[in-house]
Amino acid sequence: TDIAGDLGILQGEGSGLTAEYLNKPTTRLQAA
C-alpha cells in the first residue's frame, strides 16, 4: 500500500491511505 501510494495508484480520501480506507470494499467506480 505504501508503494501504491508512492506511485499514485492509490490516492485514498481525506486523510489518505488510512487503515479505514484500505479496508473499505472497492467500488465499480474505483475499479474503473
All heavy atoms as atom14 arrays in JSON, in Angstrom:
{
  "sequence": "TDIAGDLGILQGEGSGLTAEYLNKPTTRLQAA",
  "atom14_mask": [
    [1, 1, 1, 1, 1, 1, 1, 0, 0, 0, 0, 0, 0, 0],
    [1, 1, 1, 1, 1, 1, 1, 1, 0, 0, 0, 0, 0, 0],
    [1, 1, 1, 1, 1, 1, 1, 1, 0, 0, 0, 0, 0, 0],
    [1, 1, 1, 1, 1, 0, 0, 0, 0, 0, 0, 0, 0, 0],
    [1, 1, 1, 1, 0, 0, 0, 0, 0, 0, 0, 0, 0, 0],
    [1, 1, 1, 1, 1, 1, 1, 1, 0, 0, 0, 0, 0, 0],
    [1, 1, 1, 1, 1, 1, 1, 1, 0, 0, 0, 0, 0, 0],
    [1, 1, 1, 1, 0, 0, 0, 0, 0, 0, 0, 0, 0, 0],
    [1, 1, 1, 1, 1, 1, 1, 1, 0, 0, 0, 0, 0, 0],
    [1, 1, 1, 1, 1, 1, 1, 1, 0, 0, 0, 0, 0, 0],
    [1, 1, 1, 1, 1, 1, 1, 1, 1, 0, 0, 0, 0, 0],
    [1, 1, 1, 1, 0, 0, 0, 0, 0, 0, 0, 0, 0, 0],
    [1, 1, 1, 1, 1, 1, 1, 1, 1, 0, 0, 0, 0, 0],
    [1, 1, 1, 1, 0, 0, 0, 0, 0, 0, 0, 0, 0, 0],
    [1, 1, 1, 1, 1, 1, 0, 0, 0, 0, 0, 0, 0, 0],
    [1, 1, 1, 1, 0, 0, 0, 0, 0, 0, 0, 0, 0, 0],
    [1, 1, 1, 1, 1, 1, 1, 1, 0, 0, 0, 0, 0, 0],
    [1, 1, 1, 1, 1, 1, 1, 0, 0, 0, 0, 0, 0, 0],
    [1, 1, 1, 1, 1, 0, 0, 0, 0, 0, 0, 0, 0, 0],
    [1, 1, 1, 1, 1, 1, 1, 1, 1, 0, 0, 0, 0, 0],
    [1, 1, 1, 1, 1, 1, 1, 1, 1, 1, 1, 1, 0, 0],
    [1, 1, 1, 1, 1, 1, 1, 1, 0, 0, 0, 0, 0, 0],
    [1, 1, 1, 1, 1, 1, 1, 1, 0, 0, 0, 0, 0, 0],
    [1, 1, 1, 1, 1, 1, 1, 1, 1, 0, 0, 0, 0, 0],
    [1, 1, 1, 1, 1, 1, 1, 0, 0, 0, 0, 0, 0, 0],
    [1, 1, 1, 1, 1, 1, 1, 0, 0, 0, 0, 0, 0, 0],
    [1, 1, 1, 1, 1, 1, 1, 0, 0, 0, 0, 0, 0, 0],
    [1, 1, 1, 1, 1, 1, 1, 1, 1, 1, 1, 0, 0, 0],
    [1, 1, 1, 1, 1, 1, 1, 1, 0, 0, 0, 0, 0, 0],
    [1, 1, 1, 1, 1, 1, 1, 1, 1, 0, 0, 0, 0, 0],
    [1, 1, 1, 1, 1, 0, 0, 0, 0, 0, 0, 0, 0, 0],
    [1, 1, 1, 1, 1, 0, 0, 0, 0, 0, 0, 0, 0, 0]
  ],
  "atom14_positions": [
    [[0.83, -1.21, 0.0], [0.0, 0.0, 0.0], [0.87, 1.26, 0.0], [0.5, 2.26, -0.61], [-0.95, 0.02, 1.21], [-0.2, -0.17, 2.42], [-1.98, -1.08, 1.1], [0.0, 0.0, 0.0], [0.0, 0.0, 0.0], [0.0, 0.0, 0.0], [0.0, 0.0, 0.0], [0.0, 0.0, 0.0], [0.0, 0.0, 0.0], [0.0, 0.0, 0.0]],
    [[2.04, 1.2, 0.68], [2.98, 2.33, 0.64], [3.42, 2.58, -0.8], [3.46, 3.72, -1.28], [4.22, 2.05, 1.49], [3.92, 1.94, 2.97], [2.94, 2.57, 3.43], [4.66, 1.24, 3.68], [0.0, 0.0, 0.0], [0.0, 0.0, 0.0], [0.0, 0.0, 0.0], [0.0, 0.0, 0.0], [0.0, 0.0, 0.0], [0.0, 0.0, 0.0]],
    [[3.79, 1.49, -1.48], [4.27, 1.6, -2.86], [3.17, 2.11, -3.77], [3.38, 2.99, -4.61], [4.78, 0.23, -3.35], [5.98, -0.21, -2.52], [5.15, 0.29, -4.82], [6.42, -1.64, -2.77], [0.0, 0.0, 0.0], [0.0, 0.0, 0.0], [0.0, 0.0, 0.0], [0.0, 0.0, 0.0], [0.0, 0.0, 0.0], [0.0, 0.0, 0.0]],
    [[1.95, 1.57, -3.58], [0.82, 2.02, -4.41], [0.56, 3.51, -4.21], [0.23, 4.22, -5.16], [-0.42, 1.21, -4.06], [0.0, 0.0, 0.0], [0.0, 0.0, 0.0], [0.0, 0.0, 0.0], [0.0, 0.0, 0.0], [0.0, 0.0, 0.0], [0.0, 0.0, 0.0], [0.0, 0.0, 0.0], [0.0, 0.0, 0.0], [0.0, 0.0, 0.0]],
    [[0.74, 3.97, -2.98], [0.57, 5.4, -2.71], [1.66, 6.22, -3.36], [1.39, 7.27, -3.96], [0.0, 0.0, 0.0], [0.0, 0.0, 0.0], [0.0, 0.0, 0.0], [0.0, 0.0, 0.0], [0.0, 0.0, 0.0], [0.0, 0.0, 0.0], [0.0, 0.0, 0.0], [0.0, 0.0, 0.0], [0.0, 0.0, 0.0], [0.0, 0.0, 0.0]],
    [[2.91, 5.77, -3.27], [4.04, 6.49, -3.87], [3.91, 6.58, -5.38], [4.3, 7.58, -6.0], [5.37, 5.78, -3.53], [5.72, 5.88, -2.05], [5.13, 6.74, -1.35], [6.56, 5.08, -1.59], [0.0, 0.0, 0.0], [0.0, 0.0, 0.0], [0.0, 0.0, 0.0], [0.0, 0.0, 0.0], [0.0, 0.0, 0.0], [0.0, 0.0, 0.0]],
    [[3.34, 5.52, -5.98], [3.19, 5.5, -7.44], [1.94, 6.23, -7.92], [1.73, 6.39, -9.12], [3.14, 4.05, -7.93], [4.41, 3.21, -7.75], [4.17, 1.78, -8.17], [5.57, 3.81, -8.54], [0.0, 0.0, 0.0], [0.0, 0.0, 0.0], [0.0, 0.0, 0.0], [0.0, 0.0, 0.0], [0.0, 0.0, 0.0], [0.0, 0.0, 0.0]],
    [[1.1, 6.65, -6.97], [-0.13, 7.33, -7.34], [-1.24, 6.38, -7.74], [-2.29, 6.81, -8.24], [0.0, 0.0, 0.0], [0.0, 0.0, 0.0], [0.0, 0.0, 0.0], [0.0, 0.0, 0.0], [0.0, 0.0, 0.0], [0.0, 0.0, 0.0], [0.0, 0.0, 0.0], [0.0, 0.0, 0.0], [0.0, 0.0, 0.0], [0.0, 0.0, 0.0]],
    [[-1.03, 5.08, -7.52], [-2.05, 4.09, -7.86], [-3.23, 4.21, -6.91], [-4.39, 4.24, -7.31], [-1.45, 2.67, -7.82], [-0.44, 2.51, -8.95], [-2.54, 1.6, -7.91], [0.41, 1.26, -8.84], [0.0, 0.0, 0.0], [0.0, 0.0, 0.0], [0.0, 0.0, 0.0], [0.0, 0.0, 0.0], [0.0, 0.0, 0.0], [0.0, 0.0, 0.0]],
    [[-2.93, 4.27, -5.62], [-3.95, 4.51, -4.6], [-3.75, 5.91, -4.05], [-2.63, 6.28, -3.7], [-3.83, 3.49, -3.46], [-4.43, 2.1, -3.66], [-4.25, 1.28, -2.39], [-5.9, 2.16, -4.04], [0.0, 0.0, 0.0], [0.0, 0.0, 0.0], [0.0, 0.0, 0.0], [0.0, 0.0, 0.0], [0.0, 0.0, 0.0], [0.0, 0.0, 0.0]],
    [[-4.81, 6.68, -3.97], [-4.7, 8.06, -3.5], [-5.51, 8.33, -2.25], [-5.41, 9.4, -1.66], [-5.1, 9.01, -4.64], [-4.18, 8.88, -5.84], [-4.63, 9.68, -7.04], [-5.62, 10.4, -6.99], [-3.91, 9.54, -8.14], [0.0, 0.0, 0.0], [0.0, 0.0, 0.0], [0.0, 0.0, 0.0], [0.0, 0.0, 0.0], [0.0, 0.0, 0.0]],
    [[-6.31, 7.34, -1.82], [-7.06, 7.49, -0.58], [-8.11, 8.57, -0.66], [-8.48, 9.05, -1.74], [0.0, 0.0, 0.0], [0.0, 0.0, 0.0], [0.0, 0.0, 0.0], [0.0, 0.0, 0.0], [0.0, 0.0, 0.0], [0.0, 0.0, 0.0], [0.0, 0.0, 0.0], [0.0, 0.0, 0.0], [0.0, 0.0, 0.0], [0.0, 0.0, 0.0]],
    [[-8.55, 8.98, 0.52], [-9.56, 10.04, 0.59], [-9.4, 10.75, 1.93], [-9.07, 10.12, 2.93], [-10.97, 9.44, 0.47], [-11.27, 8.38, 1.51], [-12.57, 7.63, 1.24], [-13.11, 7.75, 0.12], [-13.04, 6.94, 2.15], [0.0, 0.0, 0.0], [0.0, 0.0, 0.0], [0.0, 0.0, 0.0], [0.0, 0.0, 0.0], [0.0, 0.0, 0.0]],
    [[-9.6, 12.04, 1.98], [-9.48, 12.76, 3.24], [-8.1, 12.67, 3.83], [-7.18, 13.38, 3.42], [0.0, 0.0, 0.0], [0.0, 0.0, 0.0], [0.0, 0.0, 0.0], [0.0, 0.0, 0.0], [0.0, 0.0, 0.0], [0.0, 0.0, 0.0], [0.0, 0.0, 0.0], [0.0, 0.0, 0.0], [0.0, 0.0, 0.0], [0.0, 0.0, 0.0]],
    [[-7.91, 11.75, 4.75], [-6.63, 11.6, 5.45], [-5.65, 10.68, 4.73], [-4.63, 10.28, 5.3], [-6.88, 11.05, 6.88], [-7.72, 11.93, 7.61], [0.0, 0.0, 0.0], [0.0, 0.0, 0.0], [0.0, 0.0, 0.0], [0.0, 0.0, 0.0], [0.0, 0.0, 0.0], [0.0, 0.0, 0.0], [0.0, 0.0, 0.0], [0.0, 0.0, 0.0]],
    [[-5.96, 10.31, 3.49], [-5.04, 9.49, 2.72], [-5.29, 8.01, 2.87], [-6.42, 7.57, 3.06], [0.0, 0.0, 0.0], [0.0, 0.0, 0.0], [0.0, 0.0, 0.0], [0.0, 0.0, 0.0], [0.0, 0.0, 0.0], [0.0, 0.0, 0.0], [0.0, 0.0, 0.0], [0.0, 0.0, 0.0], [0.0, 0.0, 0.0], [0.0, 0.0, 0.0]],
    [[-4.21, 7.24, 2.8], [-4.3, 5.78, 2.83], [-4.39, 5.27, 4.27], [-3.48, 4.6, 4.78], [-3.11, 5.16, 2.11], [-2.94, 5.55, 0.63], [-1.72, 4.87, 0.03], [-4.19, 5.2, -0.16], [0.0, 0.0, 0.0], [0.0, 0.0, 0.0], [0.0, 0.0, 0.0], [0.0, 0.0, 0.0], [0.0, 0.0, 0.0], [0.0, 0.0, 0.0]],
    [[-5.48, 5.58, 4.91], [-5.68, 5.14, 6.28], [-6.12, 3.68, 6.3], [-6.57, 3.12, 5.29], [-6.77, 5.98, 6.97], [-8.01, 5.8, 6.25], [-6.4, 7.46, 6.97], [0.0, 0.0, 0.0], [0.0, 0.0, 0.0], [0.0, 0.0, 0.0], [0.0, 0.0, 0.0], [0.0, 0.0, 0.0], [0.0, 0.0, 0.0], [0.0, 0.0, 0.0]],
    [[-6.02, 3.06, 7.47], [-6.47, 1.67, 7.61], [-7.96, 1.57, 7.28], [-8.41, 0.59, 6.68], [-6.2, 1.17, 9.03], [0.0, 0.0, 0.0], [0.0, 0.0, 0.0], [0.0, 0.0, 0.0], [0.0, 0.0, 0.0], [0.0, 0.0, 0.0], [0.0, 0.0, 0.0], [0.0, 0.0, 0.0], [0.0, 0.0, 0.0], [0.0, 0.0, 0.0]],
    [[-8.72, 2.6, 7.66], [-10.16, 2.61, 7.38], [-10.41, 2.58, 5.87], [-11.24, 1.82, 5.38], [-10.81, 3.84, 8.0], [-12.31, 3.91, 7.76], [-12.94, 5.19, 8.32], [-12.18, 6.08, 8.78], [-14.17, 5.3, 8.3], [0.0, 0.0, 0.0], [0.0, 0.0, 0.0], [0.0, 0.0, 0.0], [0.0, 0.0, 0.0], [0.0, 0.0, 0.0]],
    [[-9.68, 3.42, 5.14], [-9.84, 3.47, 3.68], [-9.4, 2.16, 3.05], [-10.1, 1.61, 2.17], [-9.02, 4.62, 3.1], [-8.95, 4.59, 1.59], [-10.01, 5.03, 0.81], [-7.82, 4.09, 0.95], [-9.95, 4.98, -0.57], [-7.75, 4.03, -0.44], [-8.82, 4.47, -1.19], [-8.76, 4.41, -2.56], [0.0, 0.0, 0.0], [0.0, 0.0, 0.0]],
    [[-8.27, 1.64, 3.46], [-7.72, 0.43, 2.85], [-8.62, -0.78, 3.06], [-8.62, -1.71, 2.26], [-6.32, 0.15, 3.4], [-5.25, 1.16, 3.0], [-3.96, 0.9, 3.76], [-5.0, 1.12, 1.49], [0.0, 0.0, 0.0], [0.0, 0.0, 0.0], [0.0, 0.0, 0.0], [0.0, 0.0, 0.0], [0.0, 0.0, 0.0], [0.0, 0.0, 0.0]],
    [[-9.39, -0.78, 4.14], [-10.25, -1.92, 4.43], [-11.68, -1.74, 3.95], [-12.54, -2.58, 4.23], [-10.23, -2.21, 5.93], [-8.96, -2.94, 6.34], [-8.8, -4.13, 6.06], [-8.04, -2.22, 6.97], [0.0, 0.0, 0.0], [0.0, 0.0, 0.0], [0.0, 0.0, 0.0], [0.0, 0.0, 0.0], [0.0, 0.0, 0.0], [0.0, 0.0, 0.0]],
    [[-11.93, -0.67, 3.21], [-13.25, -0.48, 2.62], [-13.39, -1.34, 1.36], [-12.42, -1.52, 0.62], [-13.47, 0.99, 2.22], [-13.8, 1.91, 3.37], [-14.07, 3.31, 2.85], [-14.49, 4.26, 3.96], [-14.75, 5.62, 3.45], [0.0, 0.0, 0.0], [0.0, 0.0, 0.0], [0.0, 0.0, 0.0], [0.0, 0.0, 0.0], [0.0, 0.0, 0.0]],
    [[-14.6, -1.87, 1.12], [-14.82, -2.61, -0.14], [-14.59, -1.69, -1.34], [-14.94, -0.51, -1.31], [-16.3, -3.02, -0.05], [-16.62, -3.01, 1.41], [-15.79, -1.89, 1.99], [0.0, 0.0, 0.0], [0.0, 0.0, 0.0], [0.0, 0.0, 0.0], [0.0, 0.0, 0.0], [0.0, 0.0, 0.0], [0.0, 0.0, 0.0], [0.0, 0.0, 0.0]],
    [[-13.97, -2.22, -2.38], [-13.7, -1.44, -3.58], [-14.95, -1.35, -4.44], [-15.65, -2.34, -4.65], [-12.57, -2.09, -4.4], [-11.4, -2.17, -3.58], [-12.25, -1.29, -5.65], [0.0, 0.0, 0.0], [0.0, 0.0, 0.0], [0.0, 0.0, 0.0], [0.0, 0.0, 0.0], [0.0, 0.0, 0.0], [0.0, 0.0, 0.0], [0.0, 0.0, 0.0]],
    [[-15.22, -0.15, -4.95], [-16.42, 0.06, -5.77], [-16.1, -0.07, -7.25], [-14.94, -0.03, -7.68], [-17.01, 1.46, -5.52], [-16.06, 2.45, -5.97], [-17.3, 1.67, -4.04], [0.0, 0.0, 0.0], [0.0, 0.0, 0.0], [0.0, 0.0, 0.0], [0.0, 0.0, 0.0], [0.0, 0.0, 0.0], [0.0, 0.0, 0.0], [0.0, 0.0, 0.0]],
    [[-17.16, -0.21, -8.05], [-17.01, -0.26, -9.51], [-16.37, 1.02, -10.03], [-15.56, 0.97, -10.96], [-18.39, -0.47, -10.17], [-18.87, -1.91, -10.13], [-20.29, -2.04, -10.69], [-20.48, -1.37, -11.97], [-20.08, -1.86, -13.15], [-19.47, -3.03, -13.2], [-20.31, -1.19, -14.26], [0.0, 0.0, 0.0], [0.0, 0.0, 0.0], [0.0, 0.0, 0.0]],
    [[-16.73, 2.14, -9.43], [-16.13, 3.41, -9.86], [-14.62, 3.41, -9.63], [-13.85, 3.81, -10.49], [-16.78, 4.57, -9.12], [-16.19, 5.96, -9.41], [-16.33, 6.32, -10.89], [-16.85, 7.02, -8.55], [0.0, 0.0, 0.0], [0.0, 0.0, 0.0], [0.0, 0.0, 0.0], [0.0, 0.0, 0.0], [0.0, 0.0, 0.0], [0.0, 0.0, 0.0]],
    [[-14.2, 2.95, -8.45], [-12.77, 2.91, -8.16], [-12.03, 2.0, -9.13], [-10.94, 2.32, -9.59], [-12.54, 2.44, -6.73], [-12.93, 3.46, -5.67], [-12.88, 2.86, -4.27], [-13.56, 1.9, -3.97], [-12.07, 3.44, -3.42], [0.0, 0.0, 0.0], [0.0, 0.0, 0.0], [0.0, 0.0, 0.0], [0.0, 0.0, 0.0], [0.0, 0.0, 0.0]],
    [[-12.65, 0.86, -9.44], [-12.02, -0.06, -10.39], [-11.92, 0.57, -11.78], [-10.92, 0.39, -12.49], [-12.82, -1.36, -10.45], [0.0, 0.0, 0.0], [0.0, 0.0, 0.0], [0.0, 0.0, 0.0], [0.0, 0.0, 0.0], [0.0, 0.0, 0.0], [0.0, 0.0, 0.0], [0.0, 0.0, 0.0], [0.0, 0.0, 0.0], [0.0, 0.0, 0.0]],
    [[-12.96, 1.31, -12.16], [-12.95, 1.97, -13.46], [-11.85, 3.03, -13.52], [-11.13, 3.14, -14.52], [-14.31, 2.6, -13.73], [0.0, 0.0, 0.0], [0.0, 0.0, 0.0], [0.0, 0.0, 0.0], [0.0, 0.0, 0.0], [0.0, 0.0, 0.0], [0.0, 0.0, 0.0], [0.0, 0.0, 0.0], [0.0, 0.0, 0.0], [0.0, 0.0, 0.0]]
  ]
}
